[in-house]
Protein backbone atom coordinates (compact mmCIF):
# COMPACT_ATOMS: atom_id res chain seq x y z
CA MET A 1 36.30 54.48 47.05
CA PRO A 2 39.55 55.28 44.69
CA PRO A 3 39.17 54.67 41.17
CA GLU A 4 41.14 51.95 39.79
CA SER A 5 44.51 53.15 38.28
CA PRO A 6 45.59 51.57 34.87
CA ALA A 7 47.93 49.21 36.32
CA GLN A 8 44.97 47.45 38.11
CA ARG A 9 43.12 47.14 34.96
CA ASN A 10 45.96 46.43 33.17
CA TRP A 11 46.84 43.14 36.12
CA ARG A 12 43.39 41.85 35.88
CA TYR A 13 42.32 42.24 32.45
CA TYR A 14 45.80 40.02 32.48
CA CYS A 15 44.78 37.79 34.78
CA ASP A 16 41.44 36.80 32.97
CA LEU A 17 42.81 36.54 29.85
CA ALA A 18 45.00 33.54 31.44
CA VAL A 19 42.31 31.94 32.87
CA PHE A 20 40.35 32.16 29.49
CA GLY A 21 43.02 30.49 28.26
CA ILE A 22 43.63 27.89 30.72
CA LEU A 23 40.04 27.12 30.37
CA ALA A 24 40.11 27.11 26.52
CA LEU A 25 42.99 24.67 27.06
CA ALA A 26 41.30 22.30 29.08
CA VAL A 27 38.11 22.03 26.34
CA ALA A 28 40.94 21.41 23.76
CA LEU A 29 41.94 18.83 25.69
CA TYR A 30 39.13 16.76 27.75
CA PHE A 31 37.20 17.54 23.99
CA GLY A 32 38.01 19.11 21.31
CA LEU A 33 40.73 15.92 20.83
CA PRO A 34 38.74 13.11 21.79
CA LEU A 35 36.14 14.29 19.81
CA TRP A 36 38.23 15.50 16.52
CA GLU A 37 39.91 11.13 16.79
CA ALA A 38 36.66 9.76 16.80
CA ASN A 39 35.43 11.80 13.79
CA ARG A 40 38.83 10.83 11.82
CA ARG A 41 38.35 6.85 13.13
CA MET A 42 34.64 7.24 11.79
CA HIS A 43 36.10 7.78 8.50
CA PRO A 44 38.40 5.50 7.44
CA GLY A 45 40.47 5.36 4.45
CA ARG A 46 39.28 3.97 1.10
CA PHE A 47 42.10 2.12 0.17
CA PRO A 48 41.38 0.64 -3.74
CA ILE A 49 42.52 -3.40 -3.64
CA GLY A 50 43.98 -2.60 -6.94
CA SER A 51 45.61 -5.26 -8.79
CA VAL A 52 46.92 -7.47 -5.72
CA SER A 53 45.67 -11.03 -5.48
CA PRO A 54 45.73 -14.83 -3.21
CA ALA A 55 47.14 -16.11 -6.88
CA ASP A 56 50.12 -13.60 -6.63
CA LEU A 57 51.01 -15.79 -3.33
CA GLY A 58 49.95 -18.86 -5.56
CA LEU A 59 46.71 -19.36 -4.28
CA ARG A 60 43.48 -20.69 -6.24
CA TYR A 61 40.43 -17.97 -4.97
CA SER A 62 37.11 -16.60 -6.06
CA ASP A 63 36.01 -13.23 -5.66
CA VAL A 64 33.14 -13.50 -3.07
CA VAL A 65 30.21 -11.01 -2.52
CA LEU A 66 28.69 -10.99 1.07
CA SER A 67 25.01 -10.19 2.04
CA THR A 68 24.80 -8.82 5.86
CA SER A 69 21.45 -8.89 7.60
CA ASP A 70 21.51 -4.79 7.59
CA GLY A 71 21.34 -4.78 4.64
CA LEU A 72 25.20 -3.55 2.84
CA VAL A 73 27.19 -5.39 0.24
CA LEU A 74 31.28 -7.16 1.28
CA ARG A 75 33.84 -7.97 -0.98
CA GLY A 76 36.39 -10.43 -0.33
CA TRP A 77 38.14 -13.68 -1.77
CA TYR A 78 37.62 -17.23 -0.69
CA VAL A 79 40.54 -19.85 -0.69
CA PRO A 80 39.20 -23.15 -0.81
CA SER A 81 39.39 -25.45 1.60
CA THR A 82 41.10 -28.81 1.63
CA ASN A 83 41.05 -30.43 5.25
CA GLY A 84 37.35 -29.28 5.86
CA ALA A 85 38.02 -26.58 8.09
CA ALA A 86 38.49 -22.75 7.27
CA VAL A 87 38.85 -19.86 8.52
CA VAL A 88 37.64 -15.92 8.47
CA LEU A 89 40.50 -13.29 8.08
CA LEU A 90 39.52 -9.43 9.34
CA HIS A 91 42.31 -6.90 8.55
CA ALA A 92 42.87 -3.79 11.10
CA PHE A 93 40.87 -0.41 11.08
CA ASN A 94 41.62 1.51 8.26
CA GLY A 95 42.77 -0.79 5.62
CA ASN A 96 41.27 -3.83 3.39
CA ARG A 97 41.63 -7.35 3.05
CA THR A 98 45.03 -7.26 1.52
CA GLY A 99 46.13 -6.67 5.14
CA THR A 100 44.97 -10.79 5.85
CA ILE A 101 46.75 -11.56 2.90
CA TYR A 102 49.98 -12.91 4.35
CA HIS A 103 47.73 -14.79 6.67
CA ALA A 104 45.75 -15.48 4.12
CA ALA A 105 48.45 -18.22 2.45
CA LEU A 106 49.64 -19.68 5.67
CA LEU A 107 46.90 -21.19 6.60
CA ALA A 108 45.55 -22.16 2.92
CA ASN A 109 49.80 -24.05 2.64
CA HIS A 110 47.56 -25.92 5.50
CA GLY A 111 44.77 -27.04 3.27
CA TYR A 112 42.44 -24.40 5.86
CA GLY A 113 39.84 -22.75 3.69
CA VAL A 114 39.91 -18.73 4.28
CA LEU A 115 37.87 -15.45 3.43
CA LEU A 116 38.79 -12.48 3.40
CA TYR A 117 37.12 -9.71 2.62
CA ASP A 118 36.82 -5.64 3.09
CA THR A 119 35.29 -4.48 6.91
CA ARG A 120 32.27 -2.57 6.55
CA SER A 121 32.74 1.18 5.53
CA GLN A 122 36.40 0.19 4.32
CA GLY A 123 38.19 -1.12 1.18
CA GLU A 124 35.64 -2.17 -1.73
CA SER A 125 32.58 -3.10 1.12
CA GLU A 126 29.94 -0.83 1.58
CA GLY A 127 29.04 1.31 4.75
CA GLY A 128 28.68 4.80 5.72
CA LEU A 129 29.89 6.40 9.23
CA TYR A 130 32.66 3.33 10.65
CA ALA A 131 31.13 2.75 13.95
CA TRP A 132 34.26 1.47 15.64
CA GLY A 133 33.50 -1.97 14.24
CA TRP A 134 30.72 -2.15 16.84
CA ASP A 135 28.24 -3.47 14.16
CA ALA A 136 30.46 -5.59 11.82
CA HIS A 137 29.67 -9.19 13.82
CA TRP A 138 27.30 -8.60 11.93
CA ASP A 139 29.61 -8.84 8.93
CA VAL A 140 31.22 -12.28 10.06
CA ILE A 141 28.07 -14.00 10.89
CA ALA A 142 27.62 -13.13 6.70
CA ALA A 143 31.44 -14.69 6.16
CA LEU A 144 29.61 -17.88 8.39
CA ASP A 145 26.49 -18.07 6.57
CA TYR A 146 28.63 -18.04 2.94
CA LEU A 147 31.22 -20.80 4.42
CA GLN A 148 28.28 -22.89 5.90
CA GLU A 149 26.85 -23.39 1.33
CA GLN A 150 30.52 -24.36 0.54
CA PRO A 151 31.65 -27.92 -0.31
CA ASN A 152 34.07 -29.72 1.02
CA LEU A 153 33.63 -27.87 4.43
CA ASP A 154 32.29 -28.68 7.55
CA PRO A 155 30.47 -25.64 8.80
CA ASP A 156 31.18 -27.01 12.77
CA ARG A 157 34.68 -26.67 12.12
CA ILE A 158 35.42 -22.63 11.29
CA GLY A 159 37.53 -20.57 12.79
CA VAL A 160 37.64 -16.33 13.16
CA LEU A 161 41.24 -14.60 13.00
CA GLY A 162 41.25 -11.22 13.42
CA LEU A 163 44.05 -7.96 13.89
CA SER A 164 43.83 -5.01 15.65
CA ALA A 165 39.87 -3.99 15.69
CA GLY A 166 38.93 -7.34 13.73
CA GLY A 167 40.43 -8.62 16.13
CA GLY A 168 37.36 -7.58 19.01
CA ILE A 169 34.93 -7.72 16.27
CA ALA A 170 36.34 -11.22 15.89
CA LEU A 171 36.26 -12.26 19.71
CA ARG A 172 32.19 -10.24 19.94
CA ALA A 173 30.98 -11.99 16.47
CA ALA A 174 31.97 -15.73 18.41
CA ALA A 175 30.50 -14.17 21.40
CA GLU A 176 26.74 -13.66 19.15
CA THR A 177 26.70 -16.68 16.98
CA ASP A 178 28.11 -20.77 18.53
CA HIS A 179 28.86 -21.40 14.95
CA ILE A 180 32.66 -20.17 15.31
CA SER A 181 34.23 -22.91 16.38
CA ALA A 182 37.85 -20.85 17.54
CA VAL A 183 38.68 -17.88 17.28
CA VAL A 184 42.74 -15.92 17.65
CA ALA A 185 42.49 -12.67 18.07
CA GLU A 186 46.11 -10.52 17.70
CA GLY A 187 46.90 -6.88 18.79
CA CYS A 188 42.91 -5.99 20.19
CA GLY A 189 42.14 -2.40 21.21
CA TRP A 190 39.56 -1.06 23.39
CA PRO A 191 36.40 -0.28 21.50
CA THR A 192 34.66 0.75 24.38
CA LEU A 193 35.07 3.03 27.67
CA GLN A 194 34.90 -0.34 29.60
CA ASP A 195 37.52 -1.74 27.25
CA TRP A 196 39.88 1.19 27.82
CA ARG A 197 39.80 1.06 32.04
CA ILE A 198 41.47 -1.93 30.96
CA ALA A 199 44.67 -0.24 30.08
CA ALA A 200 44.42 3.07 31.76
CA GLU A 201 46.93 4.17 34.75
CA PRO A 202 45.26 5.62 37.37
CA HIS A 203 45.78 9.11 36.31
CA ASP A 204 44.14 8.38 33.43
CA VAL A 205 41.42 9.30 35.54
CA VAL A 206 41.40 12.82 34.16
CA TRP A 207 41.23 11.90 30.65
CA VAL A 208 37.40 10.02 31.66
CA PRO A 209 35.43 12.90 30.66
CA GLY A 210 36.69 13.33 27.31
CA ILE A 211 36.82 9.45 26.41
CA TRP A 212 32.99 9.02 27.68
CA ALA A 213 32.63 12.46 24.84
CA MET A 214 34.06 10.67 22.21
CA TYR A 215 32.20 7.40 22.59
CA ARG A 216 29.11 8.97 22.84
CA TYR A 217 29.54 11.18 19.57
CA VAL A 218 30.45 8.27 17.53
CA GLU A 219 27.13 6.74 18.92
CA VAL A 220 25.13 9.84 17.98
CA ALA A 221 26.95 10.13 14.98
CA THR A 222 26.92 6.65 13.76
CA GLY A 223 23.13 5.69 15.09
CA VAL A 224 24.59 2.58 16.65
CA ARG A 225 24.65 1.71 20.25
CA ASN A 226 28.14 1.06 22.13
CA PRO A 227 28.42 -3.01 22.37
CA VAL A 228 28.85 -5.38 25.11
CA PRO A 229 32.65 -4.62 26.13
CA VAL A 230 35.52 -7.09 24.58
CA ARG A 231 35.97 -7.80 28.02
CA GLN A 232 32.51 -9.12 28.30
CA ALA A 233 31.80 -10.82 26.02
CA VAL A 234 34.96 -13.02 25.14
CA SER A 235 33.54 -14.47 28.71
CA ARG A 236 31.21 -16.16 26.94
CA ILE A 237 33.33 -18.19 23.80
CA ALA A 238 34.22 -21.06 25.98
CA PRO A 239 34.25 -24.29 26.03
CA ARG A 240 35.14 -22.83 22.13
CA PRO A 241 39.03 -22.27 22.17
CA VAL A 242 40.63 -18.39 22.16
CA MET A 243 43.79 -17.81 21.34
CA LEU A 244 45.31 -14.12 22.00
CA MET A 245 48.53 -12.63 20.89
CA ALA A 246 50.01 -9.44 22.08
CA ALA A 247 53.18 -6.92 22.09
CA GLY A 248 54.01 -3.82 23.37
CA GLU A 249 51.48 -1.29 24.44
CA ASP A 250 48.03 -3.89 23.33
CA ARG A 251 49.97 -6.57 25.87
CA VAL A 252 47.90 -4.88 28.96
CA THR A 253 44.49 -4.95 27.34
CA SER A 254 45.04 -8.04 25.65
CA GLN A 255 46.11 -9.66 29.16
CA GLY A 256 42.84 -8.21 30.39
CA TYR A 257 40.79 -9.75 27.63
CA PHE A 258 42.51 -12.85 28.34
CA ASP A 259 41.74 -13.39 32.10
CA ALA A 260 38.60 -12.76 31.27
CA ALA A 261 38.11 -15.94 29.12
CA GLY A 262 37.21 -19.08 29.63
CA GLU A 263 39.04 -22.41 29.29
CA PRO A 264 40.27 -23.56 26.76
CA LYS A 265 42.84 -20.30 26.10
CA ALA A 266 45.77 -19.76 25.11
CA PHE A 267 47.80 -16.02 25.47
CA TRP A 268 51.31 -15.84 23.10
CA ASP A 269 52.36 -12.58 25.25
CA ARG A 270 55.95 -10.84 23.18
CA ASP A 271 57.91 -9.16 25.06
CA GLU A 272 58.76 -6.66 23.27
CA PRO A 273 57.11 -3.91 20.57
CA GLY A 274 55.13 -4.25 17.85
CA HIS A 275 51.72 -4.68 16.71
CA ILE A 276 50.04 -7.66 14.57
CA ASP A 277 53.30 -7.86 13.47
CA ALA A 278 53.91 -11.54 15.12
CA LEU A 279 54.06 -13.55 11.68
CA PHE A 280 55.94 -10.76 10.06
CA ARG A 281 58.58 -10.84 13.25
CA HIS A 282 57.96 -14.56 13.88
CA PRO A 283 56.96 -16.37 11.32
CA GLU A 284 58.09 -20.24 12.23
CA GLU A 285 56.83 -19.58 16.35
CA TYR A 286 53.64 -17.88 14.21
CA GLU A 287 52.91 -20.87 11.97
CA GLN A 288 53.51 -23.23 15.15
CA ARG A 289 51.20 -21.47 17.55
CA VAL A 290 48.59 -20.16 15.14
CA VAL A 291 48.49 -23.55 13.21
CA GLY A 292 48.36 -25.88 15.87
CA PHE A 293 45.75 -23.71 17.66
CA PHE A 294 43.69 -24.50 14.97
CA ASP A 295 44.93 -27.55 14.17
CA ARG A 296 43.67 -28.40 17.90
CA ALA A 297 40.67 -26.57 17.68
CA LEU A 298 38.74 -27.67 14.24
CA LEU A 299 40.57 -31.47 13.12
CA GLN A 300 40.57 -32.35 15.96
CA GLY A 301 38.49 -35.86 15.75
CA SER A 302 38.90 -35.48 12.06
């Protein structure tokens, strides 16, 4: 067999190089980017509270320290109730309790007590790696324990309102304890692989290995196991009422959660771009829908 010519050797070299490049790109796309995203979301920013407080919106409040059953200290604010009911407010990922301060003012102006705090690993609350909110239902339970000890407050009239990641935490917490009498969740995402599949298109099947690796990496790095999917959790809340709100890309996932929820339930489906901005885009309608929902759920018969 005659030896290969230099041209043949060069051709094989460049073919091998192209194959290697394609494989390296595939690994980067399917695994590198998902793992980078997983790591980024395990390290939310520690944004300071600064001088902002409910007093800026004319609310009387007190500083609150919550202790979770798994040993963390959370910091927040409590505005006392004047109507015998209260709502726990859960901010979005990569934020702090100031992200719900206008929601607090709206509810407080209608007589509700409001407890807003920094989710674990964010703001001024303790916590190491953020496990995508998988264990943050313990934060909500600590908040409920605090509210149940407050004067002029009926422990059977406590609701929860969550934004984005906080919405998923609120729904899972309500599935874990019956001390939550009503839930509002706006712009929920997909904290588990099963939830991600709700919004996935048929062609997204190519991303499944990387998405699976992303969730598994968070589980291994944080030591926190993947929780019950939100879609499964929301089905266990009834007969307590649930209200879901969504716009833009959040609509498909929230529709899946709404379909899984039992009655009574409500869905504010906004056919427009946006994410957890309903209060600011449609303040009057937001007040009518959300305050009305809590009035019916928490004050009816009072």
